[in-house]
Amino acid sequence: MPTPLICLPFAGAGTSYYHGWRPLCGDRFDIRPGLLPGRERRIDVAPLRDVHAAVDDLLPTLAGAGEVVLFGHCLGALIAFELAHRLVEEPDVTVAALIVSGAAAPGEARSLGATGLPDDAFLDRVAEFAGVADDAMTDPELRELILPTLRADVEMFEHYLPGTSELLPVPITAVVGRDDALVPLGKAAGWSTSTSKDFTLHDLPGGHMYLTDSVERVLSLIDVTVHGKGSGGPLI
């Protein structure tokens, strides 16, 4: 059976970003994006502003999930990390691996100075640290719809504090863009101190949103991490 791959969103994103991963997974992974309030079918629910509240929201959806792999990019990596700590206490869930993408280690400072800025300055700051502007923000109706959730997510990111100093008994793989100005390789390497199991670090071409052009390579890295090199060859 395919291993459930629980995918957590980066700031402003919903589940739709990960739907395109499904055709790339074959029978290795079952893509299960986590849906937080303030987006898609939960658009009418007030967005959350705290990583730990987001974990509380997601935890019931994973009851009885069996063996899972957690993946998150940027904000999603922090949510995935805290979710992993909670799931290891669940008797009917096993976290096989945690994949953190485009994220500095949990103890790193994350103040970007975006929270509280006027709308235009806020969007400019977000585009600066993401390395790319969101075309949706040029449409007034979409901007009005998306901006509150994006603001809440950025506040969640900037104010994050780890919930525990205990080492996670789960292997961690960190992946970062080679030219990521927000998360240089050294800050991603710091994840090694968050696990009592194996740690691996990979850098791929691109900036903070390297993921957009490297989905196949990331999925292959996850496949090798979870299933091993002898599991039947590359995923893609």
C-alpha atoms as a PDB file:
ATOM      1  CA  MET A   1       0.000   0.000   0.000  1.00  0.00           C
ATOM      2  CA  PRO A   2       1.213   3.546  -0.693  1.00  0.00           C
ATOM      3  CA  THR A   3       2.717   5.324   2.296  1.00  0.00           C
ATOM      4  CA  PRO A   4       0.658   8.374   3.321  1.00  0.00           C
ATOM      5  CA  LEU A   5       2.705  11.531   2.626  1.00  0.00           C
ATOM      6  CA  ILE A   6       1.213  14.289   4.766  1.00  0.00           C
ATOM      7  CA  CYS A   7       2.019  17.633   3.124  1.00  0.00           C
ATOM      8  CA  LEU A   8       1.805  20.860   5.119  1.00  0.00           C
ATOM      9  CA  PRO A   9       1.372  24.233   3.382  1.00  0.00           C
ATOM     10  CA  PHE A  10       3.801  27.118   3.133  1.00  0.00           C
ATOM     11  CA  ALA A  11       2.473  30.600   3.971  1.00  0.00           C
ATOM     12  CA  GLY A  12      -0.643  31.476   1.998  1.00  0.00           C
ATOM     13  CA  ALA A  13      -0.919  28.072   0.343  1.00  0.00           C
ATOM     14  CA  GLY A  14      -3.656  25.461   0.540  1.00  0.00           C
ATOM     15  CA  THR A  15      -4.011  21.837  -0.488  1.00  0.00           C
ATOM     16  CA  SER A  16      -4.231  22.557  -4.224  1.00  0.00           C
ATOM     17  CA  TYR A  17      -0.468  23.080  -4.514  1.00  0.00           C
ATOM     18  CA  TYR A  18       0.125  19.426  -3.653  1.00  0.00           C
ATOM     19  CA  HIS A  19      -2.578  17.912  -5.876  1.00  0.00           C
ATOM     20  CA  GLY A  20      -0.179  17.997  -8.828  1.00  0.00           C
ATOM     21  CA  TRP A  21       2.190  15.696  -6.952  1.00  0.00           C
ATOM     22  CA  ARG A  22      -0.184  12.746  -7.107  1.00  0.00           C
ATOM     23  CA  PRO A  23       0.528  11.646 -10.710  1.00  0.00           C
ATOM     24  CA  LEU A  24       4.260  11.646  -9.908  1.00  0.00           C
ATOM     25  CA  CYS A  25       4.019   9.235  -6.986  1.00  0.00           C
ATOM     26  CA  GLY A  26       2.993   5.976  -8.638  1.00  0.00           C
ATOM     27  CA  ASP A  27       2.175   3.419  -5.959  1.00  0.00           C
ATOM     28  CA  ARG A  28       4.814   4.666  -3.506  1.00  0.00           C
ATOM     29  CA  PHE A  29       3.002   7.562  -1.782  1.00  0.00           C
ATOM     30  CA  ASP A  30      -0.549   8.639  -1.055  1.00  0.00           C
ATOM     31  CA  ILE A  31      -0.453  12.454  -1.065  1.00  0.00           C
ATOM     32  CA  ARG A  32      -2.584  13.841   1.785  1.00  0.00           C
ATOM     33  CA  PRO A  33      -2.351  17.638   2.049  1.00  0.00           C
ATOM     34  CA  GLY A  34      -3.237  19.162   5.403  1.00  0.00           C
ATOM     35  CA  LEU A  35      -6.033  21.737   5.116  1.00  0.00           C
ATOM     36  CA  LEU A  36      -5.854  24.579   7.611  1.00  0.00           C
ATOM     37  CA  PRO A  37      -8.575  27.173   8.289  1.00  0.00           C
ATOM     38  CA  GLY A  38      -8.855  30.218   6.033  1.00  0.00           C
ATOM     39  CA  ARG A  39      -8.399  28.476   2.682  1.00  0.00           C
ATOM     40  CA  GLU A  40     -10.341  26.455   0.118  1.00  0.00           C
ATOM     41  CA  ARG A  41     -13.376  24.718   1.630  1.00  0.00           C
ATOM     42  CA  ARG A  42     -12.463  26.199   5.036  1.00  0.00           C
ATOM     43  CA  ILE A  43     -12.227  29.754   3.680  1.00  0.00           C
ATOM     44  CA  ASP A  44     -14.995  30.916   6.032  1.00  0.00           C
ATOM     45  CA  VAL A  45     -13.105  29.730   9.141  1.00  0.00           C
ATOM     46  CA  ALA A  46     -10.812  32.325  10.734  1.00  0.00           C
ATOM     47  CA  PRO A  47      -7.144  31.552   9.943  1.00  0.00           C
ATOM     48  CA  LEU A  48      -4.887  30.493  12.789  1.00  0.00           C
ATOM     49  CA  ARG A  49      -1.909  32.538  13.961  1.00  0.00           C
ATOM     50  CA  ASP A  50      -0.008  29.977  16.022  1.00  0.00           C
ATOM     51  CA  VAL A  51       1.827  26.841  14.877  1.00  0.00           C
ATOM     52  CA  HIS A  52       0.719  24.856  17.919  1.00  0.00           C
ATOM     53  CA  ALA A  53      -2.939  25.765  17.281  1.00  0.00           C
ATOM     54  CA  ALA A  54      -2.465  24.545  13.711  1.00  0.00           C
ATOM     55  CA  VAL A  55      -1.165  21.224  15.025  1.00  0.00           C
ATOM     56  CA  ASP A  56      -4.168  20.921  17.342  1.00  0.00           C
ATOM     57  CA  ASP A  57      -6.393  21.498  14.314  1.00  0.00           C
ATOM     58  CA  LEU A  58      -4.666  18.872  12.158  1.00  0.00           C
ATOM     59  CA  LEU A  59      -4.110  16.146  14.744  1.00  0.00           C
ATOM     60  CA  PRO A  60      -7.646  14.642  14.676  1.00  0.00           C
ATOM     61  CA  THR A  61      -7.448  14.189  10.891  1.00  0.00           C
ATOM     62  CA  LEU A  62      -4.544  11.747  11.328  1.00  0.00           C
ATOM     63  CA  ALA A  63      -6.087   9.465  13.933  1.00  0.00           C
ATOM     64  CA  GLY A  64      -5.416   5.833  13.012  1.00  0.00           C
ATOM     65  CA  ALA A  65      -3.309   6.801   9.978  1.00  0.00           C
ATOM     66  CA  GLY A  66      -0.694   4.070  10.573  1.00  0.00           C
ATOM     67  CA  GLU A  67       2.773   4.740   9.153  1.00  0.00           C
ATOM     68  CA  VAL A  68       3.103   8.226   7.658  1.00  0.00           C
ATOM     69  CA  VAL A  69       5.744  10.562   6.272  1.00  0.00           C
ATOM     70  CA  LEU A  70       5.508  14.285   7.014  1.00  0.00           C
ATOM     71  CA  PHE A  71       6.597  16.970   4.536  1.00  0.00           C
ATOM     72  CA  GLY A  72       6.471  20.728   4.895  1.00  0.00           C
ATOM     73  CA  HIS A  73       7.985  23.726   3.132  1.00  0.00           C
ATOM     74  CA  CYS A  74       8.944  26.850   5.106  1.00  0.00           C
ATOM     75  CA  LEU A  75       6.033  27.460   7.520  1.00  0.00           C
ATOM     76  CA  GLY A  76       4.842  23.946   6.665  1.00  0.00           C
ATOM     77  CA  ALA A  77       8.148  22.525   7.908  1.00  0.00           C
ATOM     78  CA  LEU A  78       7.600  24.052  11.344  1.00  0.00           C
ATOM     79  CA  ILE A  79       4.044  22.705  11.468  1.00  0.00           C
ATOM     80  CA  ALA A  80       5.282  19.276  10.350  1.00  0.00           C
ATOM     81  CA  PHE A  81       7.993  19.276  13.039  1.00  0.00           C
ATOM     82  CA  GLU A  82       5.557  20.088  15.839  1.00  0.00           C
ATOM     83  CA  LEU A  83       3.023  17.635  14.408  1.00  0.00           C
ATOM     84  CA  ALA A  84       5.676  14.904  14.405  1.00  0.00           C
ATOM     85  CA  HIS A  85       6.342  15.493  18.105  1.00  0.00           C
ATOM     86  CA  ARG A  86       2.645  15.069  18.841  1.00  0.00           C
ATOM     87  CA  LEU A  87       2.190  12.029  16.591  1.00  0.00           C
ATOM     88  CA  VAL A  88       5.010  10.023  18.192  1.00  0.00           C
ATOM     89  CA  GLU A  89       2.819   9.964  21.301  1.00  0.00           C
ATOM     90  CA  GLU A  90      -0.097   8.436  19.373  1.00  0.00           C
ATOM     91  CA  PRO A  91      -0.284   4.614  19.630  1.00  0.00           C
ATOM     92  CA  ASP A  92      -1.884   4.152  16.203  1.00  0.00           C
ATOM     93  CA  VAL A  93       0.447   6.410  14.183  1.00  0.00           C
ATOM     94  CA  THR A  94       4.109   5.896  13.257  1.00  0.00           C
ATOM     95  CA  VAL A  95       6.118   8.736  11.739  1.00  0.00           C
ATOM     96  CA  ALA A  96       8.580   7.071   9.373  1.00  0.00           C
ATOM     97  CA  ALA A  97      10.354  10.294   8.396  1.00  0.00           C
ATOM     98  CA  LEU A  98      10.129  14.069   8.576  1.00  0.00           C
ATOM     99  CA  ILE A  99      11.120  16.045   5.465  1.00  0.00           C
ATOM    100  CA  VAL A 100      11.689  19.755   6.102  1.00  0.00           C
ATOM    101  CA  SER A 101      12.080  22.003   3.070  1.00  0.00           C
ATOM    102  CA  GLY A 102      13.180  25.624   2.847  1.00  0.00           C
ATOM    103  CA  ALA A 103      13.271  26.036   6.609  1.00  0.00           C
ATOM    104  CA  ALA A 104      15.838  27.004   9.214  1.00  0.00           C
ATOM    105  CA  ALA A 105      16.198  24.836  12.309  1.00  0.00           C
ATOM    106  CA  PRO A 106      13.537  25.284  15.012  1.00  0.00           C
ATOM    107  CA  GLY A 107      15.673  27.412  17.344  1.00  0.00           C
ATOM    108  CA  GLU A 108      16.625  29.995  14.699  1.00  0.00           C
ATOM    109  CA  ALA A 109      15.169  33.537  14.866  1.00  0.00           C
ATOM    110  CA  ARG A 110      12.486  34.167  12.230  1.00  0.00           C
ATOM    111  CA  SER A 111      11.608  37.839  12.549  1.00  0.00           C
ATOM    112  CA  LEU A 112      11.247  39.201   9.026  1.00  0.00           C
ATOM    113  CA  GLY A 113       9.561  42.449   9.970  1.00  0.00           C
ATOM    114  CA  ALA A 114       6.507  41.809   7.801  1.00  0.00           C
ATOM    115  CA  THR A 115       3.797  41.467  10.458  1.00  0.00           C
ATOM    116  CA  GLY A 116       1.983  44.763  11.022  1.00  0.00           C
ATOM    117  CA  LEU A 117       3.107  46.471   7.795  1.00  0.00           C
ATOM    118  CA  PRO A 118       0.514  48.133   5.510  1.00  0.00           C
ATOM    119  CA  ASP A 119      -0.768  45.843   2.773  1.00  0.00           C
ATOM    120  CA  ASP A 120       1.522  46.931  -0.075  1.00  0.00           C
ATOM    121  CA  ALA A 121       4.637  47.017   2.102  1.00  0.00           C
ATOM    122  CA  PHE A 122       3.681  43.660   3.624  1.00  0.00           C
ATOM    123  CA  LEU A 123       3.338  42.031   0.190  1.00  0.00           C
ATOM    124  CA  ASP A 124       6.637  43.566  -0.961  1.00  0.00           C
ATOM    125  CA  ARG A 125       8.395  42.148   2.116  1.00  0.00           C
ATOM    126  CA  VAL A 126       6.872  38.685   1.603  1.00  0.00           C
ATOM    127  CA  ALA A 127       7.887  38.705  -2.076  1.00  0.00           C
ATOM    128  CA  GLU A 128      11.396  39.754  -1.051  1.00  0.00           C
ATOM    129  CA  PHE A 129      11.995  36.872   1.344  1.00  0.00           C
ATOM    130  CA  ALA A 130      10.164  34.334  -0.831  1.00  0.00           C
ATOM    131  CA  GLY A 131      12.105  35.438  -3.892  1.00  0.00           C
ATOM    132  CA  VAL A 132       8.943  35.528  -5.988  1.00  0.00           C
ATOM    133  CA  ALA A 133       5.760  37.625  -6.149  1.00  0.00           C
ATOM    134  CA  ASP A 134       2.301  36.036  -6.150  1.00  0.00           C
ATOM    135  CA  ASP A 135       0.444  37.038  -9.325  1.00  0.00           C
ATOM    136  CA  ALA A 136      -2.873  36.521  -7.518  1.00  0.00           C
ATOM    137  CA  MET A 137      -2.177  39.646  -5.473  1.00  0.00           C
ATOM    138  CA  THR A 138      -2.552  41.814  -8.580  1.00  0.00           C
ATOM    139  CA  ASP A 139      -6.236  40.848  -8.769  1.00  0.00           C
ATOM    140  CA  PRO A 140      -8.192  42.994  -6.256  1.00  0.00           C
ATOM    141  CA  GLU A 141     -10.821  40.317  -5.538  1.00  0.00           C
ATOM    142  CA  LEU A 142      -8.276  37.522  -5.049  1.00  0.00           C
ATOM    143  CA  ARG A 143      -6.082  39.805  -2.972  1.00  0.00           C
ATOM    144  CA  GLU A 144      -8.963  40.597  -0.626  1.00  0.00           C
ATOM    145  CA  LEU A 145      -9.694  36.877  -0.292  1.00  0.00           C
ATOM    146  CA  ILE A 146      -6.119  35.657   0.216  1.00  0.00           C
ATOM    147  CA  LEU A 147      -4.452  38.479   2.146  1.00  0.00           C
ATOM    148  CA  PRO A 148      -5.963  37.779   5.612  1.00  0.00           C
ATOM    149  CA  THR A 149      -4.775  34.162   5.538  1.00  0.00           C
ATOM    150  CA  LEU A 150      -1.342  35.140   4.244  1.00  0.00           C
ATOM    151  CA  ARG A 151      -1.010  37.704   7.025  1.00  0.00           C
ATOM    152  CA  ALA A 152      -2.021  35.111   9.634  1.00  0.00           C
ATOM    153  CA  ASP A 153       0.468  32.577   8.218  1.00  0.00           C
ATOM    154  CA  VAL A 154       3.339  35.065   8.222  1.00  0.00           C
ATOM    155  CA  GLU A 155       2.526  36.020  11.810  1.00  0.00           C
ATOM    156  CA  MET A 156       2.483  32.295  12.671  1.00  0.00           C
ATOM    157  CA  PHE A 157       5.918  31.926  11.046  1.00  0.00           C
ATOM    158  CA  GLU A 158       7.491  34.999  12.652  1.00  0.00           C
ATOM    159  CA  HIS A 159       6.240  34.239  16.164  1.00  0.00           C
ATOM    160  CA  TYR A 160       7.015  30.519  16.179  1.00  0.00           C
ATOM    161  CA  LEU A 161       8.717  29.057  19.237  1.00  0.00           C
ATOM    162  CA  PRO A 162       9.492  25.317  19.569  1.00  0.00           C
ATOM    163  CA  GLY A 163       7.070  23.448  21.815  1.00  0.00           C
ATOM    164  CA  THR A 164       9.775  21.239  23.317  1.00  0.00           C
ATOM    165  CA  SER A 165      13.539  20.852  23.486  1.00  0.00           C
ATOM    166  CA  GLU A 166      13.292  17.065  23.402  1.00  0.00           C
ATOM    167  CA  LEU A 167      14.908  15.353  20.434  1.00  0.00           C
ATOM    168  CA  LEU A 168      12.480  13.941  17.894  1.00  0.00           C
ATOM    169  CA  PRO A 169      12.853  10.136  17.603  1.00  0.00           C
ATOM    170  CA  VAL A 170      12.276  10.342  13.845  1.00  0.00           C
ATOM    171  CA  PRO A 171      14.784  10.643  10.963  1.00  0.00           C
ATOM    172  CA  ILE A 172      14.909  14.156   9.524  1.00  0.00           C
ATOM    173  CA  THR A 173      15.818  15.085   5.958  1.00  0.00           C
ATOM    174  CA  ALA A 174      16.332  18.793   5.242  1.00  0.00           C
ATOM    175  CA  VAL A 175      16.198  20.177   1.701  1.00  0.00           C
ATOM    176  CA  VAL A 176      17.021  23.752   0.745  1.00  0.00           C
ATOM    177  CA  GLY A 177      17.514  25.831  -2.392  1.00  0.00           C
ATOM    178  CA  ARG A 178      21.166  26.455  -3.158  1.00  0.00           C
ATOM    179  CA  ASP A 179      20.534  30.185  -3.643  1.00  0.00           C
ATOM    180  CA  ASP A 180      17.982  30.622  -0.866  1.00  0.00           C
ATOM    181  CA  ALA A 181      18.733  33.996   0.762  1.00  0.00           C
ATOM    182  CA  LEU A 182      16.181  33.362   3.528  1.00  0.00           C
ATOM    183  CA  VAL A 183      17.459  29.915   4.534  1.00  0.00           C
ATOM    184  CA  PRO A 184      21.160  29.395   3.742  1.00  0.00           C
ATOM    185  CA  LEU A 185      22.557  25.884   3.946  1.00  0.00           C
ATOM    186  CA  GLY A 186      24.037  26.419   7.419  1.00  0.00           C
ATOM    187  CA  LYS A 187      20.663  27.273   8.921  1.00  0.00           C
ATOM    188  CA  ALA A 188      19.079  24.193   7.354  1.00  0.00           C
ATOM    189  CA  ALA A 189      21.949  22.072   8.696  1.00  0.00           C
ATOM    190  CA  GLY A 190      20.861  23.020  12.202  1.00  0.00           C
ATOM    191  CA  TRP A 191      17.998  20.524  11.969  1.00  0.00           C
ATOM    192  CA  SER A 192      20.586  17.857  12.794  1.00  0.00           C
ATOM    193  CA  THR A 193      20.308  18.840  16.466  1.00  0.00           C
ATOM    194  CA  SER A 194      16.536  18.239  16.521  1.00  0.00           C
ATOM    195  CA  THR A 195      16.558  14.472  16.015  1.00  0.00           C
ATOM    196  CA  SER A 196      17.909  11.452  17.874  1.00  0.00           C
ATOM    197  CA  LYS A 197      17.807   9.475  14.612  1.00  0.00           C
ATOM    198  CA  ASP A 198      19.490   9.904  11.216  1.00  0.00           C
ATOM    199  CA  PHE A 199      19.826  13.320   9.599  1.00  0.00           C
ATOM    200  CA  THR A 200      20.526  14.106   5.946  1.00  0.00           C
ATOM    201  CA  LEU A 201      20.865  17.462   4.191  1.00  0.00           C
ATOM    202  CA  HIS A 202      20.367  18.183   0.482  1.00  0.00           C
ATOM    203  CA  ASP A 203      20.667  21.380  -1.528  1.00  0.00           C
ATOM    204  CA  LEU A 204      18.989  21.717  -4.911  1.00  0.00           C
ATOM    205  CA  PRO A 205      19.246  24.434  -7.580  1.00  0.00           C
ATOM    206  CA  GLY A 206      17.115  27.520  -7.005  1.00  0.00           C
ATOM    207  CA  GLY A 207      16.073  30.011  -4.362  1.00  0.00           C
ATOM    208  CA  HIS A 208      13.579  29.825  -1.522  1.00  0.00           C
ATOM    209  CA  MET A 209      10.835  28.476  -3.790  1.00  0.00           C
ATOM    210  CA  TYR A 210      13.190  25.996  -5.505  1.00  0.00           C
ATOM    211  CA  LEU A 211      10.448  23.428  -4.904  1.00  0.00           C
ATOM    212  CA  THR A 212       8.370  24.691  -7.826  1.00  0.00           C
ATOM    213  CA  ASP A 213      10.946  23.395 -10.325  1.00  0.00           C
ATOM    214  CA  SER A 214      12.227  20.391  -8.356  1.00  0.00           C
ATOM    215  CA  VAL A 215       9.177  18.374  -7.298  1.00  0.00           C
ATOM    216  CA  GLU A 216      10.385  15.190  -8.999  1.00  0.00           C
ATOM    217  CA  ARG A 217      13.796  15.395  -7.320  1.00  0.00           C
ATOM    218  CA  VAL A 218      12.261  16.078  -3.913  1.00  0.00           C
ATOM    219  CA  LEU A 219       9.896  13.117  -4.260  1.00  0.00           C
ATOM    220  CA  SER A 220      12.807  10.903  -5.249  1.00  0.00           C
ATOM    221  CA  LEU A 221      14.736  12.041  -2.155  1.00  0.00           C
ATOM    222  CA  ILE A 222      11.715  11.219  -0.001  1.00  0.00           C
ATOM    223  CA  ASP A 223      11.370   7.834  -1.682  1.00  0.00           C
ATOM    224  CA  VAL A 224      15.000   6.907  -1.002  1.00  0.00           C
ATOM    225  CA  THR A 225      14.677   8.146   2.585  1.00  0.00           C
ATOM    226  CA  VAL A 226      11.589   6.056   3.265  1.00  0.00           C
ATOM    227  CA  HIS A 227      11.949   3.010   1.040  1.00  0.00           C
ATOM    228  CA  GLY A 228      15.715   2.813   0.557  1.00  0.00           C
ATOM    229  CA  LYS A 229      17.778   2.502  -2.593  1.00  0.00           C
ATOM    230  CA  GLY A 230      16.814  -1.106  -2.992  1.00  0.00           C
ATOM    231  CA  SER A 231      13.076  -0.465  -2.959  1.00  0.00           C
ATOM    232  CA  GLY A 232      12.524  -0.731  -6.670  1.00  0.00           C
ATOM    233  CA  GLY A 233      14.450   2.118  -8.243  1.00  0.00           C
ATOM    234  CA  PRO A 234      13.722   5.813  -8.574  1.00  0.00           C
ATOM    235  CA  LEU A 235      10.241   7.117  -8.010  1.00  0.00           C
ATOM    236  CA  ILE A 236      10.335   9.236 -11.158  1.00  0.00           C
END
